[in-house]
Amino acid sequence: MTWRFVGRPCGERILERTRRWMPVALALVLLSVASTACSTGEAYDIDFTRPEPAPAQDVRLDDRGEQPLRIGVAPVLSARTNSALYDDLASYLAIRLGRPVELVHGKTYTEINDLVKSGDIAVALVCTNPYLQGQADFGMELLAVPQVHGGLEYYSLLIVGRGSEAKRLADLRGASFAFSDPLSNSGRLVPTYELARLGSSPDAFFSQTIFTYSHEASIRAVAAGVVAGAAVDSLVFEYLAGAEPELASRVQVIERWGPFGINPLVVNPRLDEATKSDLRRVFLEMDSDPEGRILLEKLDIDRFVPGEEDIYDSVREMRAYLRERGLAP
C-alpha cells in the first residue's frame, strides 16, 4: 500500500506540519505492511526515501503490437486492493473489445483527471466530485454508472474509533482528522460543507488534518488511532467491512450524509465515437454475459446503466455553496 500524508495546503505550513506527522506516516506504513504480510504470508521491503510504486501494469499487446486502450481507476481503495479487483476487468475488456487493454492505477484523483484530459486514458472510473471538476475543466463526459445494491447512490460516513465518545461532527472540534483526497466528494467536500454549515472550516475546526489518498487508508488510520475521525465512502466501508470484519469492528459510524450520485465511468469528450460506443456497449451488456456477471459480482456491482446528470445535482449544490463562501477545496 502507498501511504502519503501532508499538512494543510497553506504554503510553508505544509513542510512544518508534514514533519510533525512524519512519525505518524511511518507508523501507518509499518501497520499497512504488517497487515498485508499477515494476510498474505508475504514480506515486503520498504524504502522510505521514495513512494511505493503502484503494482506493475499488465500491458496486453496483440500480435500486431497494437498499443493498448488504457482504463484508469481512481484510488478509492489501496493500489493493491484496486489491482486485485480490477485486473480481471482489464482482461475482460480486452477480450470483448478485441484489442489490448492496460489498467492504470492513479495515485490521486487529480492524476486520473489529468490523464483523461490528455487522452492518455480512454475511460476511467472516477469519484463524483472529480467528475464534476473534469466536466467544468474540459467537458469530461459520462459514459455509464454502476448500479450497486439496487441503487445509484452512496453516502459519506463520518467514522471515529470504537472507543470514541464523539456522537456527531461537532464533537470532533480540536481533534485530528483524515481526508481521503483533495478532490474527494465523500472524503473531503462533504465534511467541508458540513463544517461550513456549522460556521467553521477544516483549518479552524480541527487541530490537524492529513490526506491519506484512499478511503481504505482513512479507515485504517482511524482504526489504528492515528487520527480521531475521517469521512469515507459508504460503499468502500461496506466492502471492507465484508472483507475485513475485524477492521470494521475497530471503528464506528456516527453520522451519514447524502445520498450522492454514484461514482461514474467517464471518457474524454474527444475520444472517437466508435470507441465510446464500443465501451458503452460492453459495460452495459456485462450483466447479460455469464463471464461479465461473475466479474460484476467480484466488483460488488449489479450492472452498469446509462447515467443521468441530475443524480449529481446535490454535489453541484455543495460545490456552489462552498465557492460562494470562499471555502471550496
Protein backbone atom coordinates (compact mmCIF):
# COMPACT_ATOMS: atom_id res chain seq x y z
CA MET A 1 0.00 0.00 0.00
CA THR A 2 1.07 3.56 -0.54
CA TRP A 3 0.52 5.98 2.33
CA ARG A 4 1.10 9.66 1.74
CA PHE A 5 0.43 12.34 4.31
CA VAL A 6 0.66 16.12 4.07
CA GLY A 7 -0.43 19.01 6.24
CA ARG A 8 -2.98 21.62 5.27
CA PRO A 9 -2.22 23.21 1.87
CA CYS A 10 -1.10 26.60 3.16
CA GLY A 11 2.34 27.45 1.79
CA GLU A 12 5.23 26.88 4.19
CA ARG A 13 2.90 25.26 6.71
CA ILE A 14 2.89 22.15 4.53
CA LEU A 15 6.53 21.39 5.36
CA GLU A 16 6.09 22.20 9.03
CA ARG A 17 3.06 20.02 9.52
CA THR A 18 4.35 17.25 7.30
CA ARG A 19 7.36 16.97 9.60
CA ARG A 20 5.08 16.87 12.61
CA TRP A 21 3.14 14.00 11.04
CA MET A 22 6.21 12.07 9.82
CA PRO A 23 6.22 9.59 12.75
CA VAL A 24 2.52 9.03 12.04
CA ALA A 25 3.20 8.34 8.37
CA LEU A 26 5.97 5.87 9.18
CA ALA A 27 3.79 4.13 11.74
CA LEU A 28 1.00 3.77 9.20
CA VAL A 29 3.34 2.36 6.57
CA LEU A 30 4.56 -0.25 9.05
CA LEU A 31 0.97 -1.01 10.08
CA SER A 32 -0.06 -1.34 6.43
CA VAL A 33 2.80 -3.65 5.51
CA ALA A 34 2.35 -5.74 8.63
CA SER A 35 -1.35 -6.28 7.99
CA THR A 36 -0.70 -7.15 4.35
CA ALA A 37 2.08 -9.58 5.25
CA CYS A 38 -0.07 -11.26 7.89
CA SER A 39 -2.92 -11.76 5.46
CA THR A 40 -0.85 -12.98 2.53
CA GLY A 41 2.22 -14.59 4.12
CA GLU A 42 4.45 -12.34 2.01
CA ALA A 43 7.16 -9.97 3.20
CA TYR A 44 7.79 -6.54 1.74
CA ASP A 45 10.91 -4.36 1.82
CA ILE A 46 10.13 -0.67 2.32
CA ASP A 47 12.34 2.14 1.06
CA PHE A 48 11.28 5.25 2.96
CA THR A 49 13.22 7.52 0.60
CA ARG A 50 10.68 7.17 -2.21
CA PRO A 51 6.99 6.41 -2.62
CA GLU A 52 5.96 2.82 -3.16
CA PRO A 53 5.10 2.31 -6.85
CA ALA A 54 1.70 1.03 -7.87
CA PRO A 55 1.57 -2.63 -8.92
CA ALA A 56 3.11 -3.32 -12.32
CA GLN A 57 0.67 -2.80 -15.14
CA ASP A 58 -0.18 -5.66 -17.45
CA VAL A 59 0.15 -4.30 -20.99
CA ARG A 60 -1.76 -6.64 -23.27
CA LEU A 61 -0.30 -6.10 -26.74
CA ASP A 62 -1.83 -8.08 -29.55
CA ASP A 63 0.07 -9.94 -32.26
CA ARG A 64 0.33 -6.77 -34.31
CA GLY A 65 1.92 -4.86 -31.43
CA GLU A 66 -1.09 -2.56 -31.15
CA GLN A 67 -0.89 -0.04 -28.32
CA PRO A 68 -3.35 -0.77 -25.51
CA LEU A 69 -6.52 1.05 -24.66
CA ARG A 70 -5.95 2.38 -21.15
CA ILE A 71 -8.53 2.29 -18.38
CA GLY A 72 -7.97 4.27 -15.18
CA VAL A 73 -9.20 3.56 -11.66
CA ALA A 74 -9.31 6.31 -9.04
CA PRO A 75 -7.65 5.35 -5.73
CA VAL A 76 -10.72 4.94 -3.53
CA LEU A 77 -9.00 1.75 -2.33
CA SER A 78 -5.30 0.99 -1.97
CA ALA A 79 -3.34 0.20 -5.13
CA ARG A 80 -3.04 -3.47 -4.16
CA THR A 81 -6.76 -3.83 -3.50
CA ASN A 82 -7.61 -1.98 -6.71
CA SER A 83 -5.29 -4.28 -8.65
CA ALA A 84 -6.86 -7.40 -7.16
CA LEU A 85 -10.34 -6.15 -8.06
CA TYR A 86 -9.82 -4.59 -11.47
CA ASP A 87 -7.14 -6.66 -13.23
CA ASP A 88 -9.83 -9.09 -14.39
CA LEU A 89 -11.88 -6.18 -15.74
CA ALA A 90 -8.97 -5.19 -17.99
CA SER A 91 -8.73 -8.78 -19.26
CA TYR A 92 -12.47 -8.90 -19.85
CA LEU A 93 -12.45 -5.64 -21.82
CA ALA A 94 -9.50 -6.83 -23.92
CA ILE A 95 -11.44 -9.92 -24.98
CA ARG A 96 -14.74 -8.14 -25.59
CA LEU A 97 -13.19 -5.22 -27.45
CA GLY A 98 -10.73 -7.35 -29.40
CA ARG A 99 -7.79 -5.11 -28.54
CA PRO A 100 -5.12 -4.86 -25.84
CA VAL A 101 -6.11 -3.13 -22.59
CA GLU A 102 -3.93 -1.65 -19.85
CA LEU A 103 -5.10 -0.90 -16.32
CA VAL A 104 -3.79 2.35 -14.80
CA HIS A 105 -3.84 2.86 -11.03
CA GLY A 106 -3.93 6.55 -10.21
CA LYS A 107 -2.17 7.82 -7.10
CA THR A 108 -4.56 10.77 -6.78
CA TYR A 109 -7.91 11.79 -8.24
CA THR A 110 -6.24 14.75 -9.94
CA GLU A 111 -3.78 12.44 -11.69
CA ILE A 112 -6.60 10.35 -13.15
CA ASN A 113 -8.45 13.51 -14.28
CA ASP A 114 -5.30 14.82 -15.94
CA LEU A 115 -4.75 11.54 -17.80
CA VAL A 116 -8.33 11.55 -19.06
CA LYS A 117 -7.95 15.19 -20.12
CA SER A 118 -4.75 14.49 -22.05
CA GLY A 119 -6.23 11.42 -23.73
CA ASP A 120 -3.67 9.09 -22.15
CA ILE A 121 -6.59 7.21 -20.56
CA ALA A 122 -9.60 6.32 -22.70
CA VAL A 123 -12.04 5.52 -19.90
CA ALA A 124 -11.89 5.86 -16.12
CA LEU A 125 -13.89 5.10 -13.00
CA VAL A 126 -13.72 8.34 -11.02
CA CYS A 127 -15.21 9.86 -7.90
CA THR A 128 -18.25 12.12 -8.13
CA ASN A 129 -16.53 15.43 -7.37
CA PRO A 130 -13.60 14.80 -9.76
CA TYR A 131 -16.19 14.07 -12.46
CA LEU A 132 -17.86 17.44 -11.91
CA GLN A 133 -14.45 19.12 -11.77
CA GLY A 134 -13.41 17.44 -15.02
CA GLN A 135 -16.72 18.37 -16.58
CA ALA A 136 -16.06 22.01 -15.71
CA ASP A 137 -12.40 21.90 -16.77
CA PHE A 138 -12.59 20.13 -20.12
CA GLY A 139 -16.06 18.65 -20.63
CA MET A 140 -15.38 15.24 -19.10
CA GLU A 141 -18.17 13.01 -20.40
CA LEU A 142 -20.35 10.48 -18.60
CA LEU A 143 -20.25 7.01 -20.18
CA ALA A 144 -22.18 4.84 -17.71
CA VAL A 145 -22.70 4.36 -13.99
CA PRO A 146 -22.56 1.25 -11.78
CA GLN A 147 -25.71 0.15 -10.01
CA VAL A 148 -24.81 -1.16 -6.55
CA HIS A 149 -27.25 -2.90 -4.21
CA GLY A 150 -30.11 -1.78 -6.44
CA GLY A 151 -29.23 1.92 -6.32
CA LEU A 152 -27.19 4.65 -7.99
CA GLU A 153 -26.11 6.37 -4.82
CA TYR A 154 -23.72 6.27 -1.89
CA TYR A 155 -23.11 8.22 1.32
CA SER A 156 -20.33 9.95 3.18
CA LEU A 157 -19.79 8.27 6.53
CA LEU A 158 -18.23 10.09 9.48
CA ILE A 159 -16.25 7.49 11.40
CA VAL A 160 -14.39 7.53 14.71
CA GLY A 161 -12.59 4.90 16.76
CA ARG A 162 -14.73 2.29 18.52
CA GLY A 163 -14.00 3.77 21.95
CA SER A 164 -14.60 7.40 20.98
CA GLU A 165 -17.18 9.44 22.90
CA ALA A 166 -17.92 11.60 19.83
CA LYS A 167 -21.51 11.33 18.65
CA ARG A 168 -21.54 13.92 15.84
CA LEU A 169 -19.21 16.13 13.84
CA ALA A 170 -19.42 18.99 16.35
CA ASP A 171 -17.85 16.70 18.98
CA LEU A 172 -14.62 16.48 16.94
CA ARG A 173 -13.69 20.15 17.40
CA GLY A 174 -9.98 20.35 18.17
CA ALA A 175 -9.37 16.72 17.14
CA SER A 176 -7.25 15.27 14.33
CA PHE A 177 -8.98 14.30 11.08
CA ALA A 178 -8.21 12.40 7.87
CA PHE A 179 -9.37 13.47 4.41
CA SER A 180 -9.01 10.90 1.63
CA ASP A 181 -8.13 13.03 -1.42
CA PRO A 182 -8.26 16.80 -2.04
CA LEU A 183 -10.88 16.23 -4.77
CA SER A 184 -12.91 13.56 -2.97
CA ASN A 185 -16.62 14.17 -2.54
CA SER A 186 -17.36 11.92 0.43
CA GLY A 187 -13.83 12.17 1.80
CA ARG A 188 -13.37 15.95 1.71
CA LEU A 189 -16.06 18.03 0.00
CA VAL A 190 -18.90 16.74 2.18
CA PRO A 191 -17.21 17.22 5.58
CA THR A 192 -16.02 20.67 4.47
CA TYR A 193 -19.60 21.53 3.51
CA GLU A 194 -20.92 20.24 6.85
CA LEU A 195 -18.34 22.33 8.71
CA ALA A 196 -19.39 25.39 6.70
CA ARG A 197 -22.96 24.81 7.84
CA LEU A 198 -21.60 24.88 11.40
CA GLY A 199 -19.97 28.22 10.61
CA SER A 200 -16.44 26.83 10.51
CA SER A 201 -13.78 25.36 8.21
CA PRO A 202 -11.27 22.49 8.45
CA ASP A 203 -8.39 24.83 9.33
CA ALA A 204 -10.32 26.47 12.15
CA PHE A 205 -12.12 23.38 13.43
CA PHE A 206 -9.56 20.56 13.53
CA SER A 207 -6.23 20.55 15.34
CA GLN A 208 -4.54 18.66 12.50
CA THR A 209 -5.60 17.22 9.16
CA ILE A 210 -3.93 14.70 6.87
CA PHE A 211 -4.57 13.31 3.38
CA THR A 212 -4.45 9.53 3.13
CA TYR A 213 -5.18 9.34 -0.64
CA SER A 214 -7.65 6.47 -0.34
CA HIS A 215 -10.76 5.74 1.69
CA GLU A 216 -9.24 2.44 2.72
CA ALA A 217 -6.26 4.25 4.21
CA SER A 218 -8.55 6.68 6.06
CA ILE A 219 -10.44 3.78 7.64
CA ARG A 220 -7.19 2.13 8.69
CA ALA A 221 -5.91 5.42 10.13
CA VAL A 222 -8.98 5.75 12.36
CA ALA A 223 -8.94 2.07 13.32
CA ALA A 224 -5.29 2.39 14.38
CA GLY A 225 -5.96 5.52 16.44
CA VAL A 226 -3.71 7.66 14.27
CA VAL A 227 -6.50 10.23 13.81
CA ALA A 228 -9.70 10.79 15.74
CA GLY A 229 -12.01 10.78 12.74
CA ALA A 230 -12.44 10.62 8.98
CA ALA A 231 -15.12 10.86 6.32
CA VAL A 232 -15.26 7.90 3.93
CA ASP A 233 -17.23 6.46 1.02
CA SER A 234 -20.02 4.20 2.31
CA LEU A 235 -19.50 1.65 -0.46
CA VAL A 236 -15.80 1.32 0.37
CA PHE A 237 -16.66 0.98 4.05
CA GLU A 238 -19.22 -1.74 3.31
CA TYR A 239 -16.75 -3.59 1.07
CA LEU A 240 -14.01 -3.57 3.71
CA ALA A 241 -16.48 -4.48 6.46
CA GLY A 242 -17.27 -7.62 4.48
CA ALA A 243 -13.66 -8.36 3.55
CA GLU A 244 -12.14 -7.48 6.95
CA PRO A 245 -14.76 -7.58 9.72
CA GLU A 246 -12.11 -7.11 12.40
CA LEU A 247 -11.07 -3.81 10.82
CA ALA A 248 -14.66 -2.55 10.76
CA SER A 249 -15.11 -3.56 14.39
CA ARG A 250 -12.48 -1.01 15.43
CA VAL A 251 -14.41 1.98 14.08
CA GLN A 252 -17.96 3.28 14.40
CA VAL A 253 -20.13 5.41 12.14
CA ILE A 254 -21.53 8.47 13.93
CA GLU A 255 -23.04 10.41 11.01
CA ARG A 256 -24.20 9.60 7.49
CA TRP A 257 -24.50 12.35 4.86
CA GLY A 258 -26.15 12.01 1.48
CA PRO A 259 -27.22 10.35 -0.70
CA PHE A 260 -25.00 11.37 -3.61
CA GLY A 261 -24.84 10.21 -7.22
CA ILE A 262 -22.57 7.19 -7.54
CA ASN A 263 -19.03 7.32 -8.92
CA PRO A 264 -19.27 7.24 -12.75
CA LEU A 265 -17.41 5.79 -15.71
CA VAL A 266 -16.14 8.72 -17.79
CA VAL A 267 -14.34 9.44 -21.06
CA ASN A 268 -12.62 12.34 -22.72
CA PRO A 269 -15.15 14.18 -24.93
CA ARG A 270 -12.65 13.97 -27.82
CA LEU A 271 -12.49 10.17 -27.72
CA ASP A 272 -13.62 8.84 -31.09
CA GLU A 273 -17.28 7.90 -31.24
CA ALA A 274 -16.63 4.31 -32.33
CA THR A 275 -14.53 3.62 -29.21
CA LYS A 276 -17.09 5.33 -26.98
CA SER A 277 -19.85 3.23 -28.49
CA ASP A 278 -17.87 0.00 -28.09
CA LEU A 279 -17.03 0.77 -24.48
CA ARG A 280 -20.59 1.71 -23.61
CA ARG A 281 -21.92 -1.44 -25.23
CA VAL A 282 -19.52 -3.75 -23.37
CA PHE A 283 -20.21 -2.18 -19.98
CA LEU A 284 -23.99 -2.05 -20.43
CA GLU A 285 -24.14 -5.68 -21.59
CA MET A 286 -21.93 -7.16 -18.85
CA ASP A 287 -24.84 -8.32 -16.72
CA SER A 288 -26.29 -10.34 -19.62
CA ASP A 289 -22.98 -12.17 -20.21
CA PRO A 290 -22.10 -15.14 -17.91
CA GLU A 291 -18.46 -14.11 -17.56
CA GLY A 292 -19.49 -10.49 -17.12
CA ARG A 293 -21.86 -11.42 -14.28
CA ILE A 294 -19.06 -13.25 -12.46
CA LEU A 295 -16.85 -10.18 -12.78
CA LEU A 296 -19.61 -7.83 -11.63
CA GLU A 297 -20.19 -10.00 -8.57
CA LYS A 298 -16.49 -9.76 -7.72
CA LEU A 299 -16.68 -5.97 -8.02
CA ASP A 300 -19.90 -5.92 -5.93
CA ILE A 301 -21.76 -4.24 -8.80
CA ASP A 302 -25.24 -5.24 -10.00
CA ARG A 303 -24.82 -3.86 -13.51
CA PHE A 304 -23.78 -0.78 -15.44
CA VAL A 305 -26.58 1.51 -16.64
CA PRO A 306 -26.78 4.76 -18.62
CA GLY A 307 -26.18 7.70 -16.31
CA GLU A 308 -28.36 10.77 -15.78
CA GLU A 309 -26.79 14.09 -14.89
CA ASP A 310 -29.39 15.00 -12.28
CA ILE A 311 -28.12 12.40 -9.81
CA TYR A 312 -25.13 14.70 -9.25
CA ASP A 313 -27.13 17.87 -8.57
CA SER A 314 -26.70 17.68 -4.78
CA VAL A 315 -22.92 17.67 -5.19
CA ARG A 316 -23.14 20.59 -7.61
CA GLU A 317 -25.09 22.48 -4.95
CA MET A 318 -22.43 21.80 -2.30
CA ARG A 319 -19.69 22.93 -4.66
CA ALA A 320 -21.58 26.18 -5.36
CA TYR A 321 -22.28 26.74 -1.64
CA LEU A 322 -18.60 26.46 -0.75
CA ARG A 323 -17.44 28.58 -3.72
CA GLU A 324 -19.76 31.40 -2.65
CA ARG A 325 -18.11 31.39 0.78
CA GLY A 326 -14.55 31.00 -0.44
CA LEU A 327 -14.28 27.56 1.12
CA ALA A 328 -14.20 25.32 -1.95
CA PRO A 329 -11.45 22.66 -1.55
